[in-house]
Amino acid sequence: MKPPDESRRLSLREQVELLLPNWQSWYPSLFDAAADLGLIRARVCAPSSLMLSTRHAEVQSEAIQAFKEQWSVEDEPELPPVTLRIHNKTYRLGKPAKRKRAKRPR
């Protein structure tokens, strides 16, 4: 393998191959070899941070905040919902209307 170029970062595979050229004869996976060589390690975290919905919400809020900062966007004021009455039916715009459950005859 040729010497690493200083201007770019080595991939995990390249780092393992530099340290242990025949790693495939010793390890079943690249990650096992990297862990034994000390290139990667497990990190202890709270169980709540493992929830995908929590992580997704945090990533999404960070992305929205970064977008607002980059483009100098100000938060829009929240408008009150609009209620329309057409042919004796009520429609709410802005927020979903709460539906009442119909009682079933027994």
PDB file of N, CA and C in Angstrom:
ATOM      1  N   MET A   1       0.847  -1.177   0.000  1.00  0.00           N
ATOM      2  CA  MET A   1       0.000   0.000   0.000  1.00  0.00           C
ATOM      3  C   MET A   1       0.891   1.239   0.000  1.00  0.00           C
ATOM      4  N   LYS A   2       0.492   2.256  -0.768  1.00  0.00           N
ATOM      5  CA  LYS A   2       1.304   3.464  -0.866  1.00  0.00           C
ATOM      6  C   LYS A   2       1.160   4.314   0.396  1.00  0.00           C
ATOM      7  N   PRO A   3       2.138   5.166   0.686  1.00  0.00           N
ATOM      8  CA  PRO A   3       2.058   6.000   1.893  1.00  0.00           C
ATOM      9  C   PRO A   3       0.863   6.943   1.829  1.00  0.00           C
ATOM     10  N   PRO A   4       0.265   7.272   2.991  1.00  0.00           N
ATOM     11  CA  PRO A   4      -0.924   8.130   2.999  1.00  0.00           C
ATOM     12  C   PRO A   4      -0.612   9.551   2.562  1.00  0.00           C
ATOM     13  N   ASP A   5      -1.541  10.134   1.836  1.00  0.00           N
ATOM     14  CA  ASP A   5      -1.444  11.533   1.422  1.00  0.00           C
ATOM     15  C   ASP A   5      -1.891  12.393   2.611  1.00  0.00           C
ATOM     16  N   GLU A   6      -1.127  13.393   2.960  1.00  0.00           N
ATOM     17  CA  GLU A   6      -1.414  14.224   4.130  1.00  0.00           C
ATOM     18  C   GLU A   6      -2.683  15.057   3.972  1.00  0.00           C
ATOM     19  N   SER A   7      -3.108  15.301   2.718  1.00  0.00           N
ATOM     20  CA  SER A   7      -4.240  16.191   2.500  1.00  0.00           C
ATOM     21  C   SER A   7      -5.595  15.512   2.696  1.00  0.00           C
ATOM     22  N   ARG A   8      -5.630  14.181   2.802  1.00  0.00           N
ATOM     23  CA  ARG A   8      -6.916  13.504   2.985  1.00  0.00           C
ATOM     24  C   ARG A   8      -6.876  12.561   4.169  1.00  0.00           C
ATOM     25  N   ARG A   9      -8.043  12.274   4.683  1.00  0.00           N
ATOM     26  CA  ARG A   9      -8.171  11.373   5.817  1.00  0.00           C
ATOM     27  C   ARG A   9      -8.261   9.937   5.325  1.00  0.00           C
ATOM     28  N   LEU A  10      -7.662   9.020   6.045  1.00  0.00           N
ATOM     29  CA  LEU A  10      -7.715   7.607   5.669  1.00  0.00           C
ATOM     30  C   LEU A  10      -9.040   6.995   6.100  1.00  0.00           C
ATOM     31  N   SER A  11      -9.539   6.089   5.279  1.00  0.00           N
ATOM     32  CA  SER A  11     -10.743   5.357   5.658  1.00  0.00           C
ATOM     33  C   SER A  11     -10.377   4.345   6.736  1.00  0.00           C
ATOM     34  N   LEU A  12     -11.383   3.790   7.368  1.00  0.00           N
ATOM     35  CA  LEU A  12     -11.140   2.795   8.414  1.00  0.00           C
ATOM     36  C   LEU A  12     -10.401   1.589   7.833  1.00  0.00           C
ATOM     37  N   ARG A  13     -10.813   1.152   6.653  1.00  0.00           N
ATOM     38  CA  ARG A  13     -10.153   0.010   5.994  1.00  0.00           C
ATOM     39  C   ARG A  13      -8.677   0.316   5.741  1.00  0.00           C
ATOM     40  N   GLU A  14      -8.376   1.517   5.261  1.00  0.00           N
ATOM     41  CA  GLU A  14      -6.983   1.887   4.983  1.00  0.00           C
ATOM     42  C   GLU A  14      -6.155   1.927   6.267  1.00  0.00           C
ATOM     43  N   GLN A  15      -6.747   2.422   7.353  1.00  0.00           N
ATOM     44  CA  GLN A  15      -6.024   2.465   8.631  1.00  0.00           C
ATOM     45  C   GLN A  15      -5.708   1.059   9.118  1.00  0.00           C
ATOM     46  N   VAL A  16      -6.689   0.154   9.022  1.00  0.00           N
ATOM     47  CA  VAL A  16      -6.466  -1.234   9.461  1.00  0.00           C
ATOM     48  C   VAL A  16      -5.407  -1.898   8.586  1.00  0.00           C
ATOM     49  N   GLU A  17      -5.491  -1.683   7.273  1.00  0.00           N
ATOM     50  CA  GLU A  17      -4.525  -2.318   6.371  1.00  0.00           C
ATOM     51  C   GLU A  17      -3.104  -1.801   6.577  1.00  0.00           C
ATOM     52  N   LEU A  18      -2.966  -0.526   7.001  1.00  0.00           N
ATOM     53  CA  LEU A  18      -1.628  -0.006   7.313  1.00  0.00           C
ATOM     54  C   LEU A  18      -1.043  -0.685   8.546  1.00  0.00           C
ATOM     55  N   LEU A  19      -1.887  -0.895   9.556  1.00  0.00           N
ATOM     56  CA  LEU A  19      -1.412  -1.488  10.808  1.00  0.00           C
ATOM     57  C   LEU A  19      -1.290  -3.011  10.741  1.00  0.00           C
ATOM     58  N   LEU A  20      -2.190  -3.646  10.000  1.00  0.00           N
ATOM     59  CA  LEU A  20      -2.216  -5.113   9.945  1.00  0.00           C
ATOM     60  C   LEU A  20      -2.594  -5.551   8.519  1.00  0.00           C
ATOM     61  N   PRO A  21      -1.598  -5.667   7.635  1.00  0.00           N
ATOM     62  CA  PRO A  21      -1.879  -5.931   6.223  1.00  0.00           C
ATOM     63  C   PRO A  21      -2.718  -7.188   5.945  1.00  0.00           C
ATOM     64  N   ASN A  22      -2.558  -8.237   6.695  1.00  0.00           N
ATOM     65  CA  ASN A  22      -3.311  -9.474   6.451  1.00  0.00           C
ATOM     66  C   ASN A  22      -4.440  -9.661   7.455  1.00  0.00           C
ATOM     67  N   TRP A  23      -5.136  -8.609   7.769  1.00  0.00           N
ATOM     68  CA  TRP A  23      -6.184  -8.662   8.795  1.00  0.00           C
ATOM     69  C   TRP A  23      -7.293  -9.635   8.440  1.00  0.00           C
ATOM     70  N   GLN A  24      -7.577  -9.838   7.152  1.00  0.00           N
ATOM     71  CA  GLN A  24      -8.685 -10.705   6.746  1.00  0.00           C
ATOM     72  C   GLN A  24      -8.449 -12.166   7.115  1.00  0.00           C
ATOM     73  N   SER A  25      -7.188 -12.574   7.260  1.00  0.00           N
ATOM     74  CA  SER A  25      -6.922 -13.960   7.665  1.00  0.00           C
ATOM     75  C   SER A  25      -7.086 -14.147   9.170  1.00  0.00           C
ATOM     76  N   TRP A  26      -7.124 -13.055   9.917  1.00  0.00           N
ATOM     77  CA  TRP A  26      -7.234 -13.123  11.365  1.00  0.00           C
ATOM     78  C   TRP A  26      -8.631 -12.769  11.887  1.00  0.00           C
ATOM     79  N   TYR A  27      -9.335 -11.894  11.206  1.00  0.00           N
ATOM     80  CA  TYR A  27     -10.605 -11.362  11.714  1.00  0.00           C
ATOM     81  C   TYR A  27     -11.756 -11.596  10.732  1.00  0.00           C
ATOM     82  N   PRO A  28     -12.955 -11.883  11.254  1.00  0.00           N
ATOM     83  CA  PRO A  28     -14.115 -12.092  10.374  1.00  0.00           C
ATOM     84  C   PRO A  28     -14.653 -10.800   9.753  1.00  0.00           C
ATOM     85  N   SER A  29     -14.407  -9.648  10.400  1.00  0.00           N
ATOM     86  CA  SER A  29     -14.910  -8.389   9.853  1.00  0.00           C
ATOM     87  C   SER A  29     -13.918  -7.260  10.095  1.00  0.00           C
ATOM     88  N   LEU A  30     -14.065  -6.229   9.315  1.00  0.00           N
ATOM     89  CA  LEU A  30     -13.223  -5.050   9.449  1.00  0.00           C
ATOM     90  C   LEU A  30     -13.392  -4.409  10.824  1.00  0.00           C
ATOM     91  N   PHE A  31     -14.629  -4.412  11.338  1.00  0.00           N
ATOM     92  CA  PHE A  31     -14.900  -3.764  12.628  1.00  0.00           C
ATOM     93  C   PHE A  31     -14.250  -4.503  13.790  1.00  0.00           C
ATOM     94  N   ASP A  32     -14.189  -5.833  13.714  1.00  0.00           N
ATOM     95  CA  ASP A  32     -13.495  -6.597  14.760  1.00  0.00           C
ATOM     96  C   ASP A  32     -12.004  -6.254  14.779  1.00  0.00           C
ATOM     97  N   ALA A  33     -11.407  -6.165  13.599  1.00  0.00           N
ATOM     98  CA  ALA A  33      -9.984  -5.824  13.511  1.00  0.00           C
ATOM     99  C   ALA A  33      -9.745  -4.401  14.021  1.00  0.00           C
ATOM    100  N   ALA A  34     -10.589  -3.467  13.615  1.00  0.00           N
ATOM    101  CA  ALA A  34     -10.428  -2.069  14.042  1.00  0.00           C
ATOM    102  C   ALA A  34     -10.592  -1.925  15.546  1.00  0.00           C
ATOM    103  N   ALA A  35     -11.527  -2.671  16.132  1.00  0.00           N
ATOM    104  CA  ALA A  35     -11.729  -2.607  17.581  1.00  0.00           C
ATOM    105  C   ALA A  35     -10.504  -3.147  18.311  1.00  0.00           C
ATOM    106  N   ASP A  36      -9.956  -4.285  17.863  1.00  0.00           N
ATOM    107  CA  ASP A  36      -8.775  -4.843  18.511  1.00  0.00           C
ATOM    108  C   ASP A  36      -7.544  -3.951  18.345  1.00  0.00           C
ATOM    109  N   LEU A  37      -7.465  -3.230  17.240  1.00  0.00           N
ATOM    110  CA  LEU A  37      -6.328  -2.338  17.018  1.00  0.00           C
ATOM    111  C   LEU A  37      -6.500  -0.987  17.720  1.00  0.00           C
ATOM    112  N   GLY A  38      -7.672  -0.763  18.313  1.00  0.00           N
ATOM    113  CA  GLY A  38      -7.919   0.469  19.051  1.00  0.00           C
ATOM    114  C   GLY A  38      -8.316   1.646  18.169  1.00  0.00           C
ATOM    115  N   LEU A  39      -8.723   1.373  16.934  1.00  0.00           N
ATOM    116  CA  LEU A  39      -9.119   2.457  16.035  1.00  0.00           C
ATOM    117  C   LEU A  39     -10.553   2.921  16.283  1.00  0.00           C
ATOM    118  N   ILE A  40     -11.382   1.996  16.759  1.00  0.00           N
ATOM    119  CA  ILE A  40     -12.761   2.340  17.123  1.00  0.00           C
ATOM    120  C   ILE A  40     -13.043   1.749  18.487  1.00  0.00           C
ATOM    121  N   ARG A  41     -14.001   2.323  19.183  1.00  0.00           N
ATOM    122  CA  ARG A  41     -14.380   1.779  20.483  1.00  0.00           C
ATOM    123  C   ARG A  41     -15.837   2.121  20.764  1.00  0.00           C
ATOM    124  N   ALA A  42     -16.429   1.319  21.619  1.00  0.00           N
ATOM    125  CA  ALA A  42     -17.825   1.540  21.993  1.00  0.00           C
ATOM    126  C   ALA A  42     -17.912   2.745  22.911  1.00  0.00           C
ATOM    127  N   ARG A  43     -19.039   3.426  22.841  1.00  0.00           N
ATOM    128  CA  ARG A  43     -19.269   4.594  23.693  1.00  0.00           C
ATOM    129  C   ARG A  43     -20.520   4.333  24.513  1.00  0.00           C
ATOM    130  N   VAL A  44     -20.449   4.574  25.794  1.00  0.00           N
ATOM    131  CA  VAL A  44     -21.584   4.366  26.683  1.00  0.00           C
ATOM    132  C   VAL A  44     -22.509   5.571  26.567  1.00  0.00           C
ATOM    133  N   CYS A  45     -23.799   5.294  26.410  1.00  0.00           N
ATOM    134  CA  CYS A  45     -24.761   6.395  26.308  1.00  0.00           C
ATOM    135  C   CYS A  45     -26.048   5.993  27.023  1.00  0.00           C
ATOM    136  N   ALA A  46     -26.873   6.961  27.276  1.00  0.00           N
ATOM    137  CA  ALA A  46     -28.146   6.716  27.957  1.00  0.00           C
ATOM    138  C   ALA A  46     -29.076   5.909  27.050  1.00  0.00           C
ATOM    139  N   PRO A  47     -29.842   4.969  27.617  1.00  0.00           N
ATOM    140  CA  PRO A  47     -30.762   4.176  26.794  1.00  0.00           C
ATOM    141  C   PRO A  47     -31.779   5.033  26.034  1.00  0.00           C
ATOM    142  N   SER A  48     -32.171   6.167  26.597  1.00  0.00           N
ATOM    143  CA  SER A  48     -33.148   7.016  25.913  1.00  0.00           C
ATOM    144  C   SER A  48     -32.577   7.599  24.625  1.00  0.00           C
ATOM    145  N   SER A  49     -31.257   7.743  24.546  1.00  0.00           N
ATOM    146  CA  SER A  49     -30.665   8.292  23.324  1.00  0.00           C
ATOM    147  C   SER A  49     -30.642   7.276  22.189  1.00  0.00           C
ATOM    148  N   LEU A  50     -30.939   6.022  22.489  1.00  0.00           N
ATOM    149  CA  LEU A  50     -30.954   4.984  21.461  1.00  0.00           C
ATOM    150  C   LEU A  50     -32.272   4.943  20.695  1.00  0.00           C
ATOM    151  N   MET A  51     -33.286   5.616  21.202  1.00  0.00           N
ATOM    152  CA  MET A  51     -34.582   5.645  20.525  1.00  0.00           C
ATOM    153  C   MET A  51     -34.435   6.411  19.218  1.00  0.00           C
ATOM    154  N   LEU A  52     -34.808   5.799  18.111  1.00  0.00           N
ATOM    155  CA  LEU A  52     -34.686   6.465  16.824  1.00  0.00           C
ATOM    156  C   LEU A  52     -35.528   7.725  16.743  1.00  0.00           C
ATOM    157  N   SER A  53     -36.707   7.699  17.349  1.00  0.00           N
ATOM    158  CA  SER A  53     -37.571   8.875  17.286  1.00  0.00           C
ATOM    159  C   SER A  53     -36.927  10.056  18.016  1.00  0.00           C
ATOM    160  N   THR A  54     -36.253   9.782  19.129  1.00  0.00           N
ATOM    161  CA  THR A  54     -35.579  10.847  19.877  1.00  0.00           C
ATOM    162  C   THR A  54     -34.407  11.391  19.078  1.00  0.00           C
ATOM    163  N   ARG A  55     -33.602  10.478  18.522  1.00  0.00           N
ATOM    164  CA  ARG A  55     -32.453  10.921  17.737  1.00  0.00           C
ATOM    165  C   ARG A  55     -32.904  11.688  16.508  1.00  0.00           C
ATOM    166  N   HIS A  56     -33.978  11.208  15.859  1.00  0.00           N
ATOM    167  CA  HIS A  56     -34.470  11.878  14.663  1.00  0.00           C
ATOM    168  C   HIS A  56     -34.965  13.285  14.996  1.00  0.00           C
ATOM    169  N   ALA A  57     -35.674  13.415  16.100  1.00  0.00           N
ATOM    170  CA  ALA A  57     -36.191  14.726  16.494  1.00  0.00           C
ATOM    171  C   ALA A  57     -35.040  15.692  16.780  1.00  0.00           C
ATOM    172  N   GLU A  58     -33.996  15.202  17.447  1.00  0.00           N
ATOM    173  CA  GLU A  58     -32.848  16.060  17.745  1.00  0.00           C
ATOM    174  C   GLU A  58     -32.122  16.467  16.468  1.00  0.00           C
ATOM    175  N   VAL A  59     -31.930  15.528  15.557  1.00  0.00           N
ATOM    176  CA  VAL A  59     -31.250  15.823  14.297  1.00  0.00           C
ATOM    177  C   VAL A  59     -32.069  16.813  13.476  1.00  0.00           C
ATOM    178  N   GLN A  60     -33.392  16.604  13.443  1.00  0.00           N
ATOM    179  CA  GLN A  60     -34.246  17.498  12.679  1.00  0.00           C
ATOM    180  C   GLN A  60     -34.236  18.919  13.264  1.00  0.00           C
ATOM    181  N   SER A  61     -34.312  19.028  14.583  1.00  0.00           N
ATOM    182  CA  SER A  61     -34.300  20.367  15.192  1.00  0.00           C
ATOM    183  C   SER A  61     -32.949  21.059  14.970  1.00  0.00           C
ATOM    184  N   GLU A  62     -31.848  20.293  15.011  1.00  0.00           N
ATOM    185  CA  GLU A  62     -30.540  20.882  14.731  1.00  0.00           C
ATOM    186  C   GLU A  62     -30.452  21.349  13.286  1.00  0.00           C
ATOM    187  N   ALA A  63     -31.014  20.574  12.368  1.00  0.00           N
ATOM    188  CA  ALA A  63     -30.989  20.949  10.952  1.00  0.00           C
ATOM    189  C   ALA A  63     -31.819  22.206  10.715  1.00  0.00           C
ATOM    190  N   ILE A  64     -32.971  22.291  11.341  1.00  0.00           N
ATOM    191  CA  ILE A  64     -33.815  23.477  11.194  1.00  0.00           C
ATOM    192  C   ILE A  64     -33.112  24.702  11.753  1.00  0.00           C
ATOM    193  N   GLN A  65     -32.474  24.550  12.917  1.00  0.00           N
ATOM    194  CA  GLN A  65     -31.764  25.667  13.531  1.00  0.00           C
ATOM    195  C   GLN A  65     -30.597  26.117  12.654  1.00  0.00           C
ATOM    196  N   ALA A  66     -29.856  25.161  12.093  1.00  0.00           N
ATOM    197  CA  ALA A  66     -28.730  25.511  11.219  1.00  0.00           C
ATOM    198  C   ALA A  66     -29.218  26.235   9.968  1.00  0.00           C
ATOM    199  N   PHE A  67     -30.346  25.789   9.421  1.00  0.00           N
ATOM    200  CA  PHE A  67     -30.933  26.445   8.254  1.00  0.00           C
ATOM    201  C   PHE A  67     -31.315  27.888   8.584  1.00  0.00           C
ATOM    202  N   LYS A  68     -31.967  28.068   9.727  1.00  0.00           N
ATOM    203  CA  LYS A  68     -32.382  29.412  10.131  1.00  0.00           C
ATOM    204  C   LYS A  68     -31.186  30.335  10.321  1.00  0.00           C
ATOM    205  N   GLU A  69     -30.115  29.805  10.929  1.00  0.00           N
ATOM    206  CA  GLU A  69     -28.922  30.624  11.142  1.00  0.00           C
ATOM    207  C   GLU A  69     -28.243  30.962   9.823  1.00  0.00           C
ATOM    208  N   GLN A  70     -28.167  29.981   8.911  1.00  0.00           N
ATOM    209  CA  GLN A  70     -27.488  30.201   7.645  1.00  0.00           C
ATOM    210  C   GLN A  70     -28.220  31.226   6.786  1.00  0.00           C
ATOM    211  N   TRP A  71     -29.545  31.158   6.778  1.00  0.00           N
ATOM    212  CA  TRP A  71     -30.324  32.022   5.895  1.00  0.00           C
ATOM    213  C   TRP A  71     -30.999  33.173   6.637  1.00  0.00           C
ATOM    214  N   SER A  72     -30.647  33.394   7.881  1.00  0.00           N
ATOM    215  CA  SER A  72     -31.192  34.485   8.698  1.00  0.00           C
ATOM    216  C   SER A  72     -32.716  34.490   8.703  1.00  0.00           C
ATOM    217  N   VAL A  73     -33.281  33.328   8.971  1.00  0.00           N
ATOM    218  CA  VAL A  73     -34.736  33.173   8.997  1.00  0.00           C
ATOM    219  C   VAL A  73     -35.230  33.429  10.410  1.00  0.00           C
ATOM    220  N   GLU A  74     -36.280  34.225  10.517  1.00  0.00           N
ATOM    221  CA  GLU A  74     -36.893  34.470  11.812  1.00  0.00           C
ATOM    222  C   GLU A  74     -38.122  33.579  11.949  1.00  0.00           C
ATOM    223  N   ASP A  75     -38.439  33.201  13.171  1.00  0.00           N
ATOM    224  CA  ASP A  75     -39.622  32.374  13.410  1.00  0.00           C
ATOM    225  C   ASP A  75     -40.874  33.152  13.042  1.00  0.00           C
ATOM    226  N   GLU A  76     -41.795  32.447  12.376  1.00  0.00           N
ATOM    227  CA  GLU A  76     -43.058  33.070  12.010  1.00  0.00           C
ATOM    228  C   GLU A  76     -43.993  33.033  13.210  1.00  0.00           C
ATOM    229  N   PRO A  77     -44.777  34.102  13.404  1.00  0.00           N
ATOM    230  CA  PRO A  77     -45.732  34.061  14.518  1.00  0.00           C
ATOM    231  C   PRO A  77     -46.814  33.020  14.237  1.00  0.00           C
ATOM    232  N   GLU A  78     -47.240  32.353  15.282  1.00  0.00           N
ATOM    233  CA  GLU A  78     -48.274  31.334  15.118  1.00  0.00           C
ATOM    234  C   GLU A  78     -49.635  32.014  15.028  1.00  0.00           C
ATOM    235  N   LEU A  79     -50.342  31.719  13.954  1.00  0.00           N
ATOM    236  CA  LEU A  79     -51.643  32.331  13.723  1.00  0.00           C
ATOM    237  C   LEU A  79     -52.738  31.478  14.364  1.00  0.00           C
ATOM    238  N   PRO A  80     -53.802  32.123  14.830  1.00  0.00           N
ATOM    239  CA  PRO A  80     -54.898  31.339  15.406  1.00  0.00           C
ATOM    240  C   PRO A  80     -55.588  30.536  14.300  1.00  0.00           C
ATOM    241  N   PRO A  81     -56.136  29.362  14.641  1.00  0.00           N
ATOM    242  CA  PRO A  81     -56.807  28.559  13.623  1.00  0.00           C
ATOM    243  C   PRO A  81     -58.065  29.264  13.103  1.00  0.00           C
ATOM    244  N   VAL A  82     -58.384  29.024  11.847  1.00  0.00           N
ATOM    245  CA  VAL A  82     -59.550  29.618  11.207  1.00  0.00           C
ATOM    246  C   VAL A  82     -60.653  28.567  11.140  1.00  0.00           C
ATOM    247  N   THR A  83     -61.858  28.957  11.527  1.00  0.00           N
ATOM    248  CA  THR A  83     -63.002  28.045  11.492  1.00  0.00           C
ATOM    249  C   THR A  83     -63.957  28.491  10.392  1.00  0.00           C
ATOM    250  N   LEU A  84     -64.282  27.582   9.497  1.00  0.00           N
ATOM    251  CA  LEU A  84     -65.231  27.856   8.423  1.00  0.00           C
ATOM    252  C   LEU A  84     -66.479  27.014   8.630  1.00  0.00           C
ATOM    253  N   ARG A  85     -67.604  27.591   8.277  1.00  0.00           N
ATOM    254  CA  ARG A  85     -68.850  26.829   8.366  1.00  0.00           C
ATOM    255  C   ARG A  85     -69.474  26.830   6.976  1.00  0.00           C
ATOM    256  N   ILE A  86     -69.539  25.663   6.359  1.00  0.00           N
ATOM    257  CA  ILE A  86     -70.088  25.511   5.012  1.00  0.00           C
ATOM    258  C   ILE A  86     -71.121  24.402   5.039  1.00  0.00           C
ATOM    259  N   HIS A  87     -72.340  24.725   4.654  1.00  0.00           N
ATOM    260  CA  HIS A  87     -73.446  23.757   4.591  1.00  0.00           C
ATOM    261  C   HIS A  87     -73.584  22.983   5.899  1.00  0.00           C
ATOM    262  N   ASN A  88     -73.621  23.705   6.983  1.00  0.00           N
ATOM    263  CA  ASN A  88     -73.803  23.144   8.323  1.00  0.00           C
ATOM    264  C   ASN A  88     -72.671  22.205   8.743  1.00  0.00           C
ATOM    265  N   LYS A  89     -71.502  22.294   8.109  1.00  0.00           N
ATOM    266  CA  LYS A  89     -70.338  21.523   8.528  1.00  0.00           C
ATOM    267  C   LYS A  89     -69.255  22.501   8.939  1.00  0.00           C
ATOM    268  N   THR A  90     -68.552  22.188   9.997  1.00  0.00           N
ATOM    269  CA  THR A  90     -67.505  23.063  10.519  1.00  0.00           C
ATOM    270  C   THR A  90     -66.147  22.518  10.104  1.00  0.00           C
ATOM    271  N   TYR A  91     -65.318  23.391   9.553  1.00  0.00           N
ATOM    272  CA  TYR A  91     -63.967  23.034   9.146  1.00  0.00           C
ATOM    273  C   TYR A  91     -62.997  23.956   9.864  1.00  0.00           C
ATOM    274  N   ARG A  92     -61.952  23.360  10.457  1.00  0.00           N
ATOM    275  CA  ARG A  92     -60.913  24.156  11.113  1.00  0.00           C
ATOM    276  C   ARG A  92     -59.655  24.078  10.270  1.00  0.00           C
ATOM    277  N   LEU A  93     -59.081  25.223   9.965  1.00  0.00           N
ATOM    278  CA  LEU A  93     -57.842  25.301   9.195  1.00  0.00           C
ATOM    279  C   LEU A  93     -56.718  25.722  10.127  1.00  0.00           C
ATOM    280  N   GLY A  94     -55.574  25.170   9.925  1.00  0.00           N
ATOM    281  CA  GLY A  94     -54.424  25.540  10.753  1.00  0.00           C
ATOM    282  C   GLY A  94     -54.004  24.412  11.666  1.00  0.00           C
ATOM    283  N   LYS A  95     -54.908  23.876  12.412  1.00  0.00           N
ATOM    284  CA  LYS A  95     -54.633  22.742  13.280  1.00  0.00           C
ATOM    285  C   LYS A  95     -55.709  21.695  13.032  1.00  0.00           C
ATOM    286  N   PRO A  96     -55.377  20.418  13.120  1.00  0.00           N
ATOM    287  CA  PRO A  96     -56.408  19.408  12.897  1.00  0.00           C
ATOM    288  C   PRO A  96     -57.487  19.483  13.974  1.00  0.00           C
ATOM    289  N   ALA A  97     -58.700  19.360  13.541  1.00  0.00           N
ATOM    290  CA  ALA A  97     -59.825  19.408  14.484  1.00  0.00           C
ATOM    291  C   ALA A  97     -59.902  18.106  15.254  1.00  0.00           C
ATOM    292  N   LYS A  98     -60.312  18.208  16.519  1.00  0.00           N
ATOM    293  CA  LYS A  98     -60.495  17.006  17.320  1.00  0.00           C
ATOM    294  C   LYS A  98     -61.830  16.382  16.939  1.00  0.00           C
ATOM    295  N   ARG A  99     -61.800  15.101  16.707  1.00  0.00           N
ATOM    296  CA  ARG A  99     -63.026  14.417  16.312  1.00  0.00           C
ATOM    297  C   ARG A  99     -63.660  13.768  17.525  1.00  0.00           C
ATOM    298  N   LYS A 100     -64.937  13.876  17.599  1.00  0.00           N
ATOM    299  CA  LYS A 100     -65.679  13.202  18.673  1.00  0.00           C
ATOM    300  C   LYS A 100     -66.023  11.806  18.198  1.00  0.00           C
ATOM    301  N   ARG A 101     -65.856  10.873  19.093  1.00  0.00           N
ATOM    302  CA  ARG A 101     -66.192   9.492  18.747  1.00  0.00           C
ATOM    303  C   ARG A 101     -67.697   9.310  18.818  1.00  0.00           C
ATOM    304  N   ALA A 102     -68.219   8.685  17.796  1.00  0.00           N
ATOM    305  CA  ALA A 102     -69.650   8.403  17.786  1.00  0.00           C
ATOM    306  C   ALA A 102     -69.930   7.203  18.687  1.00  0.00           C
ATOM    307  N   LYS A 103     -70.996   7.309  19.434  1.00  0.00           N
ATOM    308  CA  LYS A 103     -71.356   6.196  20.300  1.00  0.00           C
ATOM    309  C   LYS A 103     -72.067   5.135  19.471  1.00  0.00           C
ATOM    310  N   ARG A 104     -71.657   3.922  19.679  1.00  0.00           N
ATOM    311  CA  ARG A 104     -72.283   2.818  18.969  1.00  0.00           C
ATOM    312  C   ARG A 104     -73.458   2.286  19.783  1.00  0.00           C
ATOM    313  N   PRO A 105     -74.538   1.981  19.083  1.00  0.00           N
ATOM    314  CA  PRO A 105     -75.666   1.387  19.821  1.00  0.00           C
ATOM    315  C   PRO A 105     -75.314  -0.020  20.279  1.00  0.00           C
ATOM    316  N   ARG A 106     -75.772  -0.357  21.452  1.00  0.00           N
ATOM    317  CA  ARG A 106     -75.495  -1.714  21.982  1.00  0.00           C
ATOM    318  C   ARG A 106     -76.633  -2.634  21.796  1.00  0.00           C
TER     319      ARG A 106
END
